[in-house]
Amino acid sequence: MFKHYWESMMESTAPFMLAWEAYVLFMLCFFISIVIRLNRIENKIIKLVEEYSDLLDYIYEEEERK
């Protein structure tokens, strides 16, 4: 049974299968790079929010002292 399956897949569709596997691999790499970039952006936003919240706290404390 497996021999028939193997022969039918490899007789005429070997180039197609290789192209499909390459497509799947490149799409996987593409989506992994998107996730990595989104993670970097999120970390930068978190840092900025923390820094600006400290700055805003300082500004509000200065205004309250006046």
Protein backbone atom coordinates (compact mmCIF):
# COMPACT_ATOMS: atom_id res chain seq x y z
CA MET A 1 0.00 0.00 0.00
CA PHE A 2 2.72 2.45 0.93
CA LYS A 3 4.68 1.50 -2.19
CA HIS A 4 1.75 2.55 -4.41
CA TYR A 5 1.36 5.81 -2.50
CA TRP A 6 5.09 6.55 -2.78
CA GLU A 7 5.16 5.84 -6.51
CA SER A 8 2.11 7.97 -7.22
CA MET A 9 3.51 10.88 -5.24
CA MET A 10 7.01 10.72 -6.72
CA GLU A 11 6.26 10.05 -10.37
CA SER A 12 4.87 13.42 -11.34
CA THR A 13 4.60 15.54 -8.24
CA ALA A 14 8.15 15.57 -6.82
CA PRO A 15 8.88 19.15 -7.99
CA PHE A 16 5.50 20.27 -6.71
CA MET A 17 6.11 18.67 -3.32
CA LEU A 18 9.53 20.30 -3.03
CA ALA A 19 8.05 23.67 -3.93
CA TRP A 20 5.23 23.17 -1.42
CA GLU A 21 7.66 22.25 1.35
CA ALA A 22 9.78 25.30 0.53
CA TYR A 23 6.66 27.48 0.60
CA VAL A 24 5.62 26.11 3.99
CA LEU A 25 9.13 26.60 5.36
CA PHE A 26 9.39 30.19 4.15
CA MET A 27 5.91 31.04 5.44
CA LEU A 28 6.85 29.58 8.82
CA CYS A 29 10.01 31.71 8.89
CA PHE A 30 7.98 34.75 7.84
CA PHE A 31 5.45 34.34 10.66
CA ILE A 32 8.17 33.62 13.22
CA SER A 33 9.91 36.86 12.21
CA ILE A 34 6.60 38.72 12.62
CA VAL A 35 6.20 37.34 16.14
CA ILE A 36 9.77 38.31 17.04
CA ARG A 37 9.30 41.86 15.70
CA LEU A 38 5.99 42.28 17.53
CA ASN A 39 7.66 41.13 20.73
CA ARG A 40 10.44 43.71 20.29
CA ILE A 41 7.91 46.47 19.63
CA GLU A 42 5.88 45.46 22.67
CA ASN A 43 8.98 45.51 24.89
CA LYS A 44 9.91 48.98 23.63
CA ILE A 45 6.40 50.27 24.32
CA ILE A 46 6.46 48.80 27.82
CA LYS A 47 9.81 50.53 28.51
CA LEU A 48 8.50 53.86 27.22
CA VAL A 49 5.34 53.64 29.29
CA GLU A 50 7.34 52.86 32.43
CA GLU A 51 9.74 55.76 31.80
CA TYR A 52 6.98 58.24 31.03
CA SER A 53 4.90 57.13 33.99
CA ASP A 54 7.90 57.86 36.26
CA LEU A 55 8.36 61.23 34.56
CA LEU A 56 4.67 62.09 34.90
CA ASP A 57 4.71 61.07 38.56
CA TYR A 58 7.65 63.41 39.12
CA ILE A 59 5.92 66.27 37.29
CA TYR A 60 2.70 65.83 39.29
CA GLU A 61 4.66 65.75 42.56
CA GLU A 62 6.40 69.00 41.61
CA GLU A 63 3.08 70.65 40.79
CA GLU A 64 1.59 69.55 44.11
CA ARG A 65 4.49 71.06 46.01
CA LYS A 66 3.87 74.48 44.48
